[in-house]
Amino acid sequence: MRYVMKFGGSSLAGAKGIRNAVEIVNESLKSGCQLVVVVSAFPEVTSELLSITTKAMEGDIGSVNSFVERQLEHHRRIATECIQGSSALEMVLRELEGISKELGGILRSIARLEELTPRSKDFVLSFGERLSAPIFCGAANYAGINAVWLTGGETGIITNEVYGDSTPLMDITIRQVKNKLERLLETRTLPIVAGFGASTPRGVTTTLGRGGSDYTATIIGAALSVDEVVLWKDVDGLMTADPTIEAGAKVLPHVSYAEASEMAYFGTKVIHPRALEPVADRQIPVRIRNAFNRNSEGTLVAGDTSERSKEIVKAITMIKKLALINVTGSGMSGLPGVAAKVFRVLGDAGVNILMISQSSSEAGISFVTARDHLERAKSALELSVLGVEVVRDMSTEDDVCIIAAVGAEMKGTPGVAARVFSAVAKAGVNVRMIAQGSSELNISFVVTEKDGPKAVLALHKEFGLDST
């Protein structure tokens, strides 16, 4: 059997987490499996790298220097605890020193110029995994495993030049990854890949978006045609709802690729929204498991089973911290190109749209964006379309969330929408906006954020998910 195993940051928390992950890897290797391991940055490191880029852009070299020293000491301490006094530790400490020096150099350059380009930002953010990967590799070597670590670019993952959320160029990536990793696997060497990062055809570092280590794992899985991609997390798998809202939430043993993609997009942060793209076409299963609860089989994400699921709705998700914008004007009705102009203006302003609805009269367009994009969206629309002949008014709400009911069996089942909105109404929740895609895999709607948990609880009960 051949697997890609990805370990998330929460499953690598401290020396104990790393030793546990290495034990999982060792057990699989001893059973005769071939493995590629992908690692995330340690907890909070990527967020801290993001914060220091702001201080660097402000010219704060003092904060940059103390940050680099603090991160080096943090990673040194973890390495020393899990690779106790050996030649492997000495090598890792030297690597950490060199990587930290490189990180300090780019941050100080940003501080001197007081300028942060998307390309520089991607380079800085890639250092979280570049610091964790050599430590994991050293711990594996210390445990008797012949391992080497590589960056995503060194592995052969090639992307376009959309910095911050790049897309892999799959044809060249599959060739290069296969060529690089097959040689290592043939020599019984364990490749440990720093997740999240990749490179352009010219060798410039890019990133695959926050949480992109999942994406790294599935790209490699597709390239090597593995039997399964295992995403080790600190949760038991995908659940019927957020357990912090619904205490009766259960682990879903099996979901389809389409269902998992919908859940990822609509608020489930367990998996990267685009991570299933490389494996779905090739029908490579993905399993989400808890590194600290190996007795649980987790959630298997795979093709649709021959048996119809008894659950019409499989999960209820919620995306918080959103804003709703309504653009109206009687002159919009029947006039071509108004929606195109509105969304072009927003796109040029870097505003991401999560959900859209338009009245049948075409006199109004409603859409949802992240709350921290609201002011940017309002400014762009006021400057470009508001007050012109067709668009007369704009209203906003900055306290909303999206609720989504997800399930493949919703398609073709009469009365699902009626049950959804009847249950929400009985809970005293007012719906502000509704959307359903043509795939019929989900019904999503907008409510105030304070009403969001009530809606989740009502739907979870309505569709019997607490007894799944």
Foldseek 3Di string as FASTA:
>chain_A
DEEEEEEEQQCCAFLVSLLLVLVVVVVCVVVPYHYAYEYEFHPPPLVVLVVLLLVLLQLNLVVLVVVLVVVLVVLLVRLCVLLPDDPLSVVLNVQSVVLSVVLSVLSNVSSVVSDDDLLSSLVSSLSRLVSVQSSSQSSNVSVVAQEDEDEQAQLQFAFDPPAQATDTPQVRSLVSNCVVVVVCVVVRYHYYYHFQWHAHPVRRIGGNHVQRSLQSRLSSCLSNVGQEYEYEDQDAADWQEDCVLPVLIDFAAEDELVLVLVQVLAADVQHHNCNCVSCQVVFRKYFYGYSVCVVRRYHIYGHDDPDDDPFLFRHKYKFFQKKKKKWFFLLQFPDPDPVVVLVVLCVVLVWDWSDWDADPRRGMIMTMTHLVCVVSSVVSCVVPPEPPPGTDDMDMDRFKMKMKGFDQNQPPDPPPVVLLVVLLVVLVWDWDAWDADPSRRMTMTMTGNVCVSSSRVSVCVSRVSSVD
